[in-house]
Amino acid sequence: MSIFISELIGTALLIILGNGVVANVVLNKTKGNNGGWIVITFGWAIAVFVGVFVAAKTSGAHLNPAITLAFAYLGKINIDKIPLYLGGQFAGAMIGAFIVWLTYQLHFNATEDKTLKLACFATIPAIRNTTHNLISEIVGTFILVISVLYMASPDNSLGALDALPVALLVLGIGLSVGGTTGYAINPARDLGPRIIHAILPMKNKGTSDWSYSWIPIVGPIIGAFLGAVVFHVISKL
């Protein structure tokens, strides 16, 4: 049960700080309104640092089904632990999204743009194209997973600062390849909050864009698998 709670708390903090910075930037009448992409990517990097730092000792701080599945494929965790990891991640993501809504409720009401409201919960492509959006999520998650696998090596440990390289990695992904789809690179990060968006009462809410929702799930899973396979092949050379 400690794995479930660890992943729940870590992922909830990830979403509160990550989706929270999006809300601060895009919603009307906030102190951070129109802060821009740099603010969002830095906010998400800090969100990752906090979430990983909090959960690292107990569960290894996957906070992402793509990471969990890659580790399971490589035999780094037991398969029977997967439900604990994924359950904690999805529950934590939903709790985190609810807290963001609760915190910014007045600003959601003050914002007319339905797309901006959804952006505070789930990812939205800049240019909607199924093939290219899927490739973008695959590439971003591939970079994430193969890099994390190298960072997780005992030879690369920074002790108490082990969360820092992952945070910088996510910052780099956001700045470099995240402008196409908003770099979900994490099925729980996208699906959990999207479900919360669908069920919460909001003025002029709009749809939850379910027709797109499979891409931030399938893309990261494919990218994680490819990252794990490439890492395994290289490590055998």
Protein backbone atom coordinates (compact mmCIF):
# COMPACT_ATOMS: atom_id res chain seq x y z
CA MET A 1 0.00 0.00 0.00
CA SER A 2 2.95 2.35 0.56
CA ILE A 3 3.63 2.34 -3.20
CA PHE A 4 0.03 3.37 -3.91
CA ILE A 5 0.09 6.22 -1.37
CA SER A 6 3.52 7.40 -2.49
CA GLU A 7 2.50 7.53 -6.14
CA LEU A 8 -0.82 9.16 -5.23
CA ILE A 9 0.81 11.96 -3.22
CA GLY A 10 3.65 12.48 -5.69
CA THR A 11 1.33 12.60 -8.71
CA ALA A 12 -1.15 14.86 -6.94
CA LEU A 13 1.64 17.35 -6.20
CA LEU A 14 2.84 17.03 -9.79
CA ILE A 15 -0.60 17.96 -11.13
CA ILE A 16 -1.33 20.69 -8.59
CA LEU A 17 1.88 22.52 -9.46
CA GLY A 18 1.91 21.59 -13.16
CA ASN A 19 -1.70 22.24 -14.09
CA GLY A 20 -1.67 25.05 -11.54
CA VAL A 21 0.95 26.99 -13.49
CA VAL A 22 -1.09 26.52 -16.67
CA ALA A 23 -4.15 27.92 -14.90
CA ASN A 24 -2.13 30.86 -13.58
CA VAL A 25 -0.93 31.70 -17.08
CA VAL A 26 -4.04 31.19 -19.21
CA LEU A 27 -7.02 32.05 -17.01
CA ASN A 28 -8.34 35.60 -16.78
CA LYS A 29 -7.55 37.97 -13.89
CA THR A 30 -4.75 35.88 -12.38
CA LYS A 31 -1.48 37.44 -11.25
CA GLY A 32 0.35 35.32 -13.82
CA ASN A 33 -1.97 35.89 -16.77
CA ASN A 34 -0.15 35.82 -20.13
CA GLY A 35 3.08 34.71 -18.47
CA GLY A 36 3.87 32.60 -21.54
CA TRP A 37 5.32 29.23 -22.46
CA ILE A 38 8.57 29.71 -20.53
CA VAL A 39 6.66 30.16 -17.28
CA ILE A 40 4.60 27.04 -17.99
CA THR A 41 7.62 24.86 -18.80
CA PHE A 42 9.52 26.04 -15.73
CA GLY A 43 6.44 25.49 -13.58
CA TRP A 44 6.12 21.94 -14.86
CA ALA A 45 9.82 21.31 -14.21
CA ILE A 46 9.38 22.41 -10.60
CA ALA A 47 6.25 20.24 -10.38
CA VAL A 48 8.28 17.23 -11.49
CA PHE A 49 11.07 18.01 -9.05
CA VAL A 50 8.67 18.23 -6.10
CA GLY A 51 6.68 15.14 -7.04
CA VAL A 52 9.75 13.01 -7.63
CA PHE A 53 11.52 14.26 -4.51
CA VAL A 54 8.52 13.44 -2.30
CA ALA A 55 7.84 9.97 -3.72
CA ALA A 56 11.35 8.77 -4.56
CA LYS A 57 12.24 6.90 -1.37
CA THR A 58 9.04 4.86 -1.14
CA SER A 59 8.02 4.02 -4.69
CA GLY A 60 10.85 5.28 -6.87
CA ALA A 61 8.59 8.15 -7.97
CA HIS A 62 7.37 6.90 -11.33
CA LEU A 63 4.35 9.26 -11.30
CA ASN A 64 3.71 8.14 -14.87
CA PRO A 65 2.30 4.87 -16.28
CA ALA A 66 4.79 5.09 -19.16
CA ILE A 67 7.70 4.95 -16.71
CA THR A 68 6.08 2.13 -14.76
CA LEU A 69 5.48 0.03 -17.87
CA ALA A 70 9.03 0.62 -19.11
CA PHE A 71 10.48 -0.44 -15.75
CA ALA A 72 8.23 -3.51 -15.71
CA TYR A 73 9.31 -4.48 -19.23
CA LEU A 74 12.96 -4.29 -18.15
CA GLY A 75 12.31 -6.27 -14.97
CA LYS A 76 13.11 -3.35 -12.69
CA ILE A 77 9.81 -3.77 -10.82
CA ASN A 78 7.61 -6.82 -10.25
CA ILE A 79 4.60 -7.05 -12.56
CA ASP A 80 2.26 -7.56 -9.61
CA LYS A 81 3.15 -4.02 -8.42
CA ILE A 82 1.84 -2.40 -11.61
CA PRO A 83 -1.77 -1.95 -10.34
CA LEU A 84 -0.46 -0.16 -7.22
CA TYR A 85 1.62 2.21 -9.31
CA LEU A 86 -1.05 2.94 -11.90
CA GLY A 87 -3.84 3.21 -9.34
CA GLY A 88 -1.88 5.75 -7.31
CA GLN A 89 -0.93 7.73 -10.41
CA PHE A 90 -4.45 8.04 -11.81
CA ALA A 91 -6.01 8.75 -8.42
CA GLY A 92 -3.36 11.33 -7.63
CA ALA A 93 -3.80 13.03 -11.00
CA MET A 94 -7.55 13.32 -10.46
CA ILE A 95 -7.13 14.70 -6.94
CA GLY A 96 -4.54 17.20 -8.15
CA ALA A 97 -6.80 18.41 -10.96
CA PHE A 98 -9.69 18.89 -8.54
CA ILE A 99 -7.50 20.99 -6.24
CA VAL A 100 -6.40 23.19 -9.15
CA TRP A 101 -10.04 23.78 -10.05
CA LEU A 102 -10.89 24.53 -6.41
CA THR A 103 -8.02 27.01 -6.15
CA TYR A 104 -8.78 28.83 -9.41
CA GLN A 105 -12.56 28.49 -9.38
CA LEU A 106 -13.24 32.25 -9.61
CA HIS A 107 -10.82 32.54 -12.50
CA PHE A 108 -12.43 29.66 -14.37
CA ASN A 109 -15.72 31.53 -14.02
CA ALA A 110 -14.06 34.75 -15.26
CA THR A 111 -12.70 33.03 -18.38
CA GLU A 112 -14.93 32.69 -21.43
CA ASP A 113 -12.57 30.69 -23.65
CA LYS A 114 -13.53 27.03 -23.34
CA THR A 115 -10.25 25.82 -24.82
CA LEU A 116 -8.22 27.68 -22.21
CA LYS A 117 -10.29 26.07 -19.48
CA LEU A 118 -9.63 22.61 -20.85
CA ALA A 119 -5.92 23.42 -21.16
CA CYS A 120 -5.78 23.70 -17.36
CA PHE A 121 -6.70 20.01 -17.18
CA ALA A 122 -5.56 18.19 -20.31
CA THR A 123 -3.35 18.67 -23.35
CA ILE A 124 -4.53 20.16 -26.64
CA PRO A 125 -2.56 20.04 -29.91
CA ALA A 126 -1.40 23.31 -31.45
CA ILE A 127 -2.20 21.92 -34.92
CA ARG A 128 -4.63 19.02 -34.89
CA ASN A 129 -3.26 16.15 -36.95
CA THR A 130 -3.61 12.60 -35.68
CA THR A 131 -0.41 11.21 -37.17
CA HIS A 132 1.84 14.11 -36.25
CA ASN A 133 0.30 14.54 -32.79
CA LEU A 134 0.88 10.85 -32.09
CA ILE A 135 4.48 11.06 -33.32
CA SER A 136 5.08 14.08 -31.11
CA GLU A 137 3.93 12.22 -27.99
CA ILE A 138 5.97 9.15 -28.97
CA VAL A 139 9.14 11.23 -29.45
CA GLY A 140 8.69 13.18 -26.23
CA THR A 141 8.07 10.06 -24.16
CA PHE A 142 10.91 8.17 -25.83
CA ILE A 143 13.28 10.96 -24.76
CA LEU A 144 11.80 10.93 -21.27
CA VAL A 145 12.01 7.18 -20.74
CA ILE A 146 15.43 6.44 -22.17
CA SER A 147 16.88 9.42 -20.28
CA VAL A 148 15.23 8.41 -17.00
CA LEU A 149 16.57 4.87 -17.40
CA TYR A 150 20.11 6.23 -17.62
CA MET A 151 19.49 8.64 -14.74
CA ALA A 152 18.20 5.77 -12.60
CA SER A 153 21.54 4.00 -12.86
CA PRO A 154 23.32 3.86 -9.47
CA ASP A 155 26.45 5.24 -11.12
CA ASN A 156 24.58 8.45 -11.94
CA SER A 157 23.10 9.06 -8.47
CA LEU A 158 23.14 12.58 -7.04
CA GLY A 159 21.81 11.50 -3.66
CA ALA A 160 19.20 13.94 -2.35
CA LEU A 161 19.26 15.80 -5.68
CA ASP A 162 18.24 12.80 -7.78
CA ALA A 163 14.96 14.59 -8.60
CA LEU A 164 16.82 17.48 -10.25
CA PRO A 165 17.97 15.74 -13.46
CA VAL A 166 14.43 14.51 -14.15
CA ALA A 167 13.04 18.00 -13.62
CA LEU A 168 15.61 19.48 -15.99
CA LEU A 169 14.84 16.73 -18.50
CA VAL A 170 11.12 17.59 -18.48
CA LEU A 171 12.02 21.27 -18.80
CA GLY A 172 14.10 20.45 -21.86
CA ILE A 173 11.36 18.32 -23.41
CA GLY A 174 8.83 21.10 -22.90
CA LEU A 175 11.09 23.79 -24.37
CA SER A 176 12.32 21.72 -27.30
CA VAL A 177 9.58 19.34 -28.47
CA GLY A 178 6.60 20.26 -26.31
CA GLY A 179 5.16 23.01 -28.46
CA THR A 180 3.22 20.67 -30.73
CA THR A 181 0.89 18.88 -28.32
CA GLY A 182 1.69 20.35 -24.92
CA TYR A 183 3.88 17.30 -24.10
CA ALA A 184 1.58 15.09 -22.04
CA ILE A 185 4.22 12.29 -22.08
CA ASN A 186 2.18 10.76 -19.26
CA PRO A 187 -1.20 9.00 -19.66
CA ALA A 188 -2.22 9.66 -16.04
CA ARG A 189 -1.33 13.35 -16.27
CA ASP A 190 -3.75 13.75 -19.19
CA LEU A 191 -6.56 11.24 -18.65
CA GLY A 192 -7.09 11.76 -14.90
CA PRO A 193 -7.56 15.55 -15.14
CA ARG A 194 -9.60 15.18 -18.35
CA ILE A 195 -12.07 13.00 -16.44
CA ILE A 196 -12.24 15.64 -13.70
CA HIS A 197 -12.88 18.32 -16.32
CA ALA A 198 -15.75 16.22 -17.66
CA ILE A 199 -17.51 15.86 -14.31
CA LEU A 200 -16.86 19.24 -12.64
CA PRO A 201 -19.48 22.01 -12.87
CA MET A 202 -18.02 24.98 -14.72
CA LYS A 203 -19.57 27.98 -16.41
CA ASN A 204 -19.27 27.70 -20.22
CA LYS A 205 -17.15 24.56 -19.83
CA GLY A 206 -17.27 23.12 -23.31
CA THR A 207 -16.33 19.56 -24.21
CA SER A 208 -13.49 17.47 -22.79
CA ASP A 209 -12.23 16.68 -26.32
CA TRP A 210 -12.53 12.91 -25.96
CA SER A 211 -11.83 12.39 -29.66
CA TYR A 212 -8.22 13.48 -29.00
CA SER A 213 -7.83 11.85 -25.59
CA TRP A 214 -6.42 8.54 -26.85
CA ILE A 215 -3.29 10.19 -28.30
CA PRO A 216 -1.81 11.25 -24.92
CA ILE A 217 -2.38 7.66 -23.77
CA VAL A 218 -1.26 5.58 -26.74
CA GLY A 219 1.61 7.86 -27.78
CA PRO A 220 3.39 7.77 -24.40
CA ILE A 221 2.93 3.99 -24.11
CA ILE A 222 4.51 3.45 -27.54
CA GLY A 223 7.29 5.92 -26.76
CA ALA A 224 7.99 4.25 -23.42
CA PHE A 225 8.18 0.81 -25.00
CA LEU A 226 10.56 2.04 -27.70
CA GLY A 227 12.71 3.79 -25.10
CA ALA A 228 12.90 0.65 -22.97
CA VAL A 229 13.77 -1.53 -25.98
CA VAL A 230 16.51 0.82 -27.19
CA PHE A 231 17.94 1.11 -23.68
CA HIS A 232 17.96 -2.68 -23.32
CA VAL A 233 19.72 -3.16 -26.66
CA ILE A 234 22.34 -0.51 -25.95
CA SER A 235 23.01 -1.84 -22.45
CA LYS A 236 23.81 -5.26 -23.95
CA LEU A 237 26.45 -3.91 -26.33
